[in-house]
Protein backbone atom coordinates (compact mmCIF):
# COMPACT_ATOMS: atom_id res chain seq x y z
CA MET A 1 -13.57 6.92 -0.82
CA ILE A 2 -10.96 5.61 2.02
CA THR A 3 -11.50 2.90 4.24
CA ARG A 4 -11.90 3.05 7.90
CA GLN A 5 -8.43 2.39 8.62
CA GLN A 6 -7.16 5.09 6.12
CA GLN A 7 -9.78 7.56 7.83
CA ARG A 8 -7.54 6.90 11.15
CA VAL A 9 -4.64 8.18 9.30
CA VAL A 10 -6.29 11.35 8.20
CA ASP A 11 -8.01 12.12 11.84
CA ALA A 12 -3.93 11.57 13.16
CA ALA A 13 -2.76 14.20 10.95
CA LEU A 14 -5.31 16.84 11.54
CA GLN A 15 -4.67 16.37 15.18
CA GLU A 16 -1.08 16.92 14.76
CA LEU A 17 -1.98 19.91 12.29
CA ASP A 18 -4.18 21.14 15.34
CA ARG A 19 -1.07 21.66 17.54
CA LEU A 20 0.66 23.91 14.87
CA THR A 21 -1.92 26.63 14.88
CA GLY A 22 -0.01 29.94 14.17
CA ASN A 23 3.34 28.66 13.47
CA ASP A 24 4.92 29.77 10.46
CA LEU A 25 7.74 27.17 10.74
CA HIS A 26 5.53 24.31 10.74
CA THR A 27 2.47 24.70 8.37
CA VAL A 28 2.12 20.92 7.25
CA ALA A 29 1.62 17.65 9.21
CA ALA A 30 1.65 14.42 8.15
CA ALA A 31 0.77 10.69 9.54
CA ALA A 32 1.53 7.13 8.41
CA MET A 33 0.28 3.87 9.07
CA ASP A 34 2.41 0.63 9.36
CA THR A 35 1.46 -3.04 8.72
CA GLU A 36 0.88 -3.35 12.19
CA GLY A 37 -1.77 -0.39 12.22
CA ARG A 38 0.48 2.00 14.18
CA ILE A 39 0.28 5.55 13.38
CA HIS A 40 3.36 7.84 13.08
CA THR A 41 3.48 11.23 12.76
CA GLY A 42 5.45 14.26 11.74
CA VAL A 43 5.54 18.26 10.61
CA ASN A 44 7.59 20.12 8.34
CA VAL A 45 10.31 22.04 9.23
CA PHE A 46 10.58 25.31 7.13
CA HIS A 47 13.78 26.90 6.90
CA PHE A 48 15.27 29.10 3.76
CA THR A 49 18.17 26.47 3.18
CA GLY A 50 15.36 23.67 2.46
CA GLY A 51 14.01 21.99 5.63
CA PRO A 52 12.53 18.44 5.47
CA CYS A 53 8.72 18.04 4.46
CA ALA A 54 6.27 16.86 6.78
CA LYS A 55 6.23 13.26 5.19
CA LEU A 56 9.92 13.05 5.39
CA THR A 57 9.72 13.44 9.44
CA ALA A 58 6.95 11.00 9.27
CA LEU A 59 9.02 8.57 7.56
CA GLY A 60 11.71 9.17 10.23
CA GLN A 61 9.47 8.45 12.92
CA ALA A 62 8.41 5.14 11.55
CA ALA A 63 12.09 3.89 10.60
CA GLY A 64 12.14 0.30 10.32
CA ALA A 65 8.29 0.02 9.66
CA PRO A 66 6.75 -0.88 6.42
CA LEU A 67 4.21 1.71 5.54
CA VAL A 68 0.60 1.08 4.19
CA THR A 69 -0.81 4.55 4.21
CA MET A 70 0.29 8.26 3.89
CA VAL A 71 -1.39 11.56 4.11
CA ALA A 72 -0.28 14.78 4.35
CA VAL A 73 -2.60 17.90 5.54
CA ALA A 74 -1.93 21.60 5.54
CA ASP A 75 -2.90 24.69 7.73
CA VAL A 76 -5.32 27.34 6.91
CA GLY A 77 -8.02 24.66 6.01
CA ARG A 78 -6.08 23.61 2.91
CA GLY A 79 -6.94 19.93 4.09
CA ALA A 80 -5.20 16.82 2.11
CA ILE A 81 -2.33 18.01 -0.20
CA PRO A 82 -0.18 16.20 -2.65
CA PRO A 83 3.34 15.42 -1.64
CA CYS A 84 6.26 17.29 -3.63
CA GLY A 85 8.41 15.47 -5.96
CA ARG A 86 11.12 14.59 -3.74
CA CYS A 87 8.65 12.91 -1.21
CA ARG A 88 7.30 10.77 -3.85
CA GLN A 89 10.74 9.61 -4.78
CA VAL A 90 11.61 8.77 -1.21
CA LEU A 91 8.41 7.09 -0.56
CA LEU A 92 8.40 5.21 -3.52
CA ASP A 93 11.92 3.98 -3.01
CA GLN A 94 11.70 3.21 0.63
CA HIS A 95 7.82 2.25 0.84
CA PRO A 96 6.98 1.10 -2.96
CA ASP A 97 3.72 -0.45 -1.75
CA CYS A 98 2.28 2.54 0.44
CA ASP A 99 -0.85 4.47 -0.57
CA VAL A 100 -1.01 8.25 -0.27
CA ILE A 101 -4.63 9.43 0.27
CA LEU A 102 -5.15 12.74 -1.73
CA PRO A 103 -8.04 14.86 -2.75
CA ILE A 104 -9.57 13.66 -6.02
CA ASP A 105 -12.62 15.53 -7.61
CA GLY A 106 -13.62 16.95 -4.01
CA THR A 107 -13.64 13.44 -2.10
CA LEU A 108 -10.47 11.83 -0.58
CA ALA A 109 -8.83 8.74 -2.30
CA ALA A 110 -5.87 6.46 -1.74
CA VAL A 111 -3.58 6.58 -4.80
CA PRO A 112 -0.48 3.82 -4.69
CA VAL A 113 2.81 5.87 -4.79
CA ARG A 114 3.84 4.32 -7.90
CA LYS A 115 1.11 6.11 -9.78
CA LEU A 116 2.26 9.69 -8.49
CA LEU A 117 5.48 8.69 -10.32
CA PRO A 118 5.07 7.34 -13.70
CA TYR A 119 7.59 5.71 -15.96
CA SER A 120 9.67 5.41 -12.88
CA TYR A 121 12.63 2.70 -12.41
CA THR A 122 11.72 -0.50 -10.89
CA VAL A 123 12.37 -0.87 -7.07
CA ALA A 124 13.35 -4.30 -5.84
CA ALA A 125 12.14 -5.58 -2.47
CA ASP A 126 14.38 -4.60 0.36
CA ALA A 127 14.78 -5.47 4.08
CA LEU A 128 11.62 -4.31 5.27
CA GLY A 129 9.59 -6.61 2.71
CA ARG A 130 7.29 -5.55 0.12
CA ILE A 131 3.43 -5.77 0.93
CA ILE A 132 0.70 -7.77 -0.67
CA ARG A 133 -2.82 -6.61 0.36
CA PHE A 134 -5.72 -9.17 0.45
CA HIS A 135 -9.39 -8.95 1.29
CA PRO A 136 -9.76 -10.19 4.67
CA ARG A 137 -12.08 -13.12 3.54
CA TYR A 138 -8.74 -15.14 2.35
CA TYR A 139 -6.93 -14.93 5.52
CA GLU A 140 -8.00 -18.25 7.06
CA ALA A 141 -7.21 -19.99 3.19
CA VAL A 142 -3.73 -18.53 3.27
CA LEU A 143 -3.08 -19.28 6.90
CA ASP A 144 -3.88 -22.98 6.51
CA GLY A 145 -1.96 -23.30 3.08
CA THR A 146 -5.40 -23.57 0.86
CA LYS A 147 -4.18 -20.48 -1.18
CA THR A 148 -0.38 -20.19 -2.01
CA ALA A 149 -0.54 -17.97 -4.98
CA THR A 150 -2.32 -14.78 -5.77
CA THR A 151 -3.00 -13.28 -9.26
CA ARG A 152 -2.39 -9.43 -9.51
CA PHE A 153 -3.31 -6.93 -12.45
CA ASP A 154 -1.45 -3.71 -12.65
CA GLU A 155 -0.44 -4.52 -8.86
CA PRO A 156 3.77 -5.17 -9.18
CA CYS A 157 4.89 -7.66 -6.75
CA ALA A 158 8.66 -8.81 -6.65
CA ALA A 159 10.54 -12.25 -5.60
CA GLY A 160 11.44 -11.85 -1.80
CA PRO A 161 10.44 -11.09 1.42
CA ALA A 162 6.73 -9.74 2.18
CA TRP A 163 3.94 -8.89 4.18
CA LEU A 164 0.46 -10.22 3.15
CA LEU A 165 -1.73 -7.90 4.80
CA PHE A 166 -5.63 -8.48 5.69
CA GLU A 167 -7.77 -5.57 6.37
CA PHE A 168 -10.53 -6.04 8.73
CA ASP A 169 -12.94 -3.69 10.33
CA GLU A 170 -11.12 -3.81 13.50
CA GLY A 171 -7.79 -3.39 12.20
CA TYR A 172 -4.83 -5.26 10.12
CA ARG A 173 -3.59 -8.83 10.59
CA ARG A 174 -0.21 -9.64 8.73
CA LEU A 175 1.59 -12.93 7.77
CA ARG A 176 5.16 -12.92 7.04
CA ALA A 177 5.86 -14.71 3.73
CA SER A 178 8.54 -15.00 0.71
CA VAL A 179 7.57 -14.56 -2.36
CA ASP A 180 8.89 -17.31 -4.48
CA SER A 181 8.35 -16.35 -8.17
CA VAL A 182 6.34 -14.16 -10.17
CA THR A 183 5.34 -15.03 -13.43
CA PRO A 184 3.38 -13.00 -15.89
CA LYS A 185 0.96 -14.33 -18.23
CA ARG A 186 -2.26 -13.18 -20.10
CA PHE A 187 -5.52 -13.49 -18.47
CA ASP A 188 -6.78 -15.97 -20.85
CA GLN A 189 -4.18 -18.42 -20.27
CA ILE A 190 -4.48 -18.85 -16.60
CA THR A 191 -4.29 -22.73 -15.89
CA ASP A 192 -6.48 -24.93 -13.68
CA GLU A 193 -3.26 -25.44 -12.00
CA ASP A 194 -3.05 -21.75 -11.33
CA ALA A 195 -6.72 -21.63 -9.81
CA GLN A 196 -5.82 -24.69 -7.49
CA ARG A 197 -3.17 -22.81 -5.68
CA GLU A 198 -5.61 -20.19 -5.04
CA GLY A 199 -7.94 -22.62 -3.44
CA CYS A 200 -10.26 -22.69 -6.80
CA GLU A 201 -10.91 -25.63 -9.07
CA THR A 202 -10.59 -24.48 -12.50
CA ALA A 203 -9.31 -21.61 -14.46
CA ALA A 204 -12.86 -20.26 -15.32
CA GLU A 205 -13.51 -20.11 -11.70
CA LEU A 206 -10.57 -18.11 -10.81
CA GLN A 207 -10.99 -15.84 -13.93
CA ASP A 208 -14.77 -15.07 -12.66
CA LEU A 209 -13.59 -14.23 -9.32
CA LEU A 210 -10.97 -12.14 -10.61
CA ARG A 211 -13.21 -9.96 -12.66
CA THR A 212 -14.82 -9.29 -9.24
CA HIS A 213 -11.78 -7.71 -8.07
CA TYR A 214 -10.61 -6.05 -11.50
CA PRO A 215 -13.75 -5.32 -13.61
CA GLU A 216 -11.73 -3.54 -16.46
CA ILE A 217 -9.65 -6.85 -17.03
CA ARG A 218 -9.68 -7.88 -20.56
CA ASP A 219 -8.93 -11.55 -21.72
CA ASP A 220 -5.34 -10.26 -23.35
CA ALA A 221 -4.58 -8.41 -20.30
CA VAL A 222 -1.20 -9.46 -18.68
CA VAL A 223 -1.55 -10.34 -15.09
CA GLU A 224 1.17 -11.55 -12.38
CA VAL A 225 0.79 -14.86 -10.92
CA VAL A 226 2.70 -14.55 -7.79
CA ARG A 227 3.50 -17.68 -5.38
CA PHE A 228 4.52 -17.56 -2.15
CA ARG A 229 5.19 -19.43 1.23
CA LEU A 230 4.34 -18.20 4.90
CA GLU A 231 7.28 -17.92 6.98
CA GLY A 232 5.19 -16.97 10.43
CA GLU A 233 2.57 -14.74 11.72
CA GLY A 234 3.44 -10.66 12.22
């Protein structure tokens, strides 16, 4: 299943596709949403020398904006389609925290681009800043400084500039931040001090909370404790 905001991206791509009907040079449309909720669209440009895919033209339209979600849809009723290898690599390099909407088992799902390229090299934070997603219930705690860390499982983060992104029903809210450290540790070695940086009182309380986010997590799993500081609102 996809979220309300992700559905907006799919709808924008389909609307762009409607304008391509019957044009053999443009058979795929793409749409991408940035951290401000703006949508950028593009279409493929077919040429025997190798024209750009729709996803790449959407990336060009979104230049300078960190992207959260992207989808491509194809004509003749093909619906959402997976990105080609080149698009996966470009998207991973430029927007490593972007989700790609794909058809999986008959329904649309959002998959992190890094999972579309297993065994890829590590991407460092760049000028656009990495993206760390939060449930909206944490917005006020982060904003008032009660929460200065987040513990992540299978969601790689990196030190450096970052956007903290909160998805509300009406849209995104973002906070500019700097990630000071990313410390790996076993789940069962989380400390009370770690918990208190997240607004909890004890390690056990934080571990119970993390299990609601990551039901598959085990005691010997390696998590990352991400410490950050705010630098302003988006």
